[in-house]
Protein backbone atom coordinates (compact mmCIF):
# COMPACT_ATOMS: atom_id res chain seq x y z
CA MET A 1 0.00 -0.01 0.06
CA ILE A 2 1.15 3.51 -0.79
CA VAL A 3 0.77 5.90 2.18
CA ASN A 4 1.57 9.70 2.19
CA PHE A 5 1.99 11.38 5.60
CA LYS A 6 2.32 14.93 4.26
CA VAL A 7 -0.72 16.14 5.95
CA LYS A 8 -1.59 19.42 7.69
CA TYR A 9 -1.72 19.71 11.40
CA LEU A 10 -5.45 20.44 12.25
CA VAL A 11 -6.84 21.05 15.71
CA PHE A 12 -10.57 20.93 15.83
CA GLY A 13 -10.42 21.20 12.07
CA VAL A 14 -8.37 24.33 12.01
CA GLU A 15 -5.03 24.45 10.36
CA GLN A 16 -2.14 25.21 12.71
CA LEU A 17 0.33 27.78 11.40
CA VAL A 18 3.93 28.65 11.91
CA ASP A 19 4.93 32.04 10.71
CA GLY A 20 1.73 32.28 8.71
CA GLU A 21 2.25 28.97 6.93
CA PRO A 22 0.28 25.70 7.53
CA MET A 23 2.14 23.13 9.70
CA TYR A 24 2.64 19.61 8.22
CA LEU A 25 3.08 16.45 10.20
CA HIS A 26 5.48 14.55 7.96
CA LYS A 27 8.62 15.97 9.18
CA THR A 28 7.72 15.28 12.87
CA LEU A 29 6.94 11.78 12.00
CA ALA A 30 10.19 11.42 10.20
CA ASN A 31 12.14 12.73 13.11
CA PHE A 32 10.42 10.31 15.58
CA LEU A 33 11.15 7.38 13.23
CA GLY A 34 14.81 8.33 12.96
CA MET A 35 15.45 9.03 16.58
CA ASN A 36 13.68 5.82 17.89
CA PRO A 37 16.09 2.71 18.23
CA HIS A 38 13.03 0.43 17.46
CA LYS A 39 14.17 -2.16 19.95
CA GLU A 40 10.50 -2.76 20.91
CA THR A 41 8.45 -1.41 17.85
CA GLY A 42 8.97 -4.38 15.72
CA ILE A 43 10.12 -2.00 12.86
CA GLY A 44 13.41 -2.77 11.54
CA TYR A 45 15.70 0.13 12.02
CA MET A 46 16.86 0.20 8.47
CA ASP A 47 13.20 0.28 7.14
CA ALA A 48 12.59 3.00 9.76
CA LEU A 49 15.47 5.19 8.31
CA LYS A 50 14.39 4.61 4.67
CA TRP A 51 10.79 5.63 5.65
CA ALA A 52 12.02 8.53 7.61
CA SER A 53 14.04 9.77 4.64
CA LEU A 54 11.06 9.62 2.22
CA ILE A 55 8.52 10.87 4.72
CA ASN A 56 10.79 13.83 5.49
CA GLU A 57 10.78 14.88 1.82
CA GLY A 58 6.99 14.64 1.78
CA LYS A 59 7.10 11.45 -0.50
CA PRO A 60 4.95 8.46 -0.06
CA ILE A 61 6.02 5.20 1.24
CA ASP A 62 5.09 1.68 -0.02
CA ILE A 63 4.51 -0.55 2.94
CA SER A 64 2.84 -3.94 3.54
CA GLN A 65 -0.18 -4.46 5.81
CA ASN A 66 2.05 -5.66 8.59
CA GLU A 67 4.25 -2.65 8.34
CA ALA A 68 1.23 -0.49 8.41
CA ASP A 69 0.06 -2.07 11.64
CA LEU A 70 3.53 -1.67 13.29
CA LEU A 71 3.63 1.90 12.09
CA LYS A 72 0.18 2.48 13.52
CA LYS A 73 1.36 1.08 16.87
CA PHE A 74 4.38 3.39 16.85
CA ILE A 75 2.47 6.46 16.10
CA GLU A 76 0.00 5.60 19.00
CA SER A 77 2.99 5.24 21.35
CA THR A 78 4.69 8.50 20.59
CA ASP A 79 4.38 11.78 22.47
CA PHE A 80 2.42 13.39 19.59
CA THR A 81 -0.76 15.22 20.54
CA ALA A 82 -3.97 13.40 20.03
CA PHE A 83 -4.83 15.52 17.17
CA ALA A 84 -1.49 14.80 15.40
CA LYS A 85 -1.92 11.00 16.10
CA GLN A 86 -5.32 10.88 14.59
CA SER A 87 -4.19 12.88 11.35
CA LEU A 88 -1.27 10.40 10.88
CA ILE A 89 -3.37 7.41 11.62
CA ASP A 90 -6.03 8.49 9.28
CA CYS A 91 -3.39 8.54 6.61
CA LEU A 92 -2.96 4.76 7.30
CA ASN A 93 -6.72 4.05 7.63
CA GLU A 94 -7.32 5.57 4.28
CA ARG A 95 -5.22 2.98 2.68
CA LEU A 96 -6.20 -0.06 4.70
């Protein structure tokens, strides 16, 4: 499945802005993927780095259903806000 995480950060449906520009979630997800050692996530660290690189550039990733499930669990376990988690998980759910 092809998943693109370049989504705007919305709070109650309102775009969040930084210096007047919309905030996107892909770069934050890429940073979390790259910084985590993935000892307990089930995600191979080389896959995580490959995904992080593509996601950081705003490009889609091609993942299996199992990888999507692991990524969903990873997103749920991060310190993202509930709004950010939901937006990122929606990207996966649209493709499931």
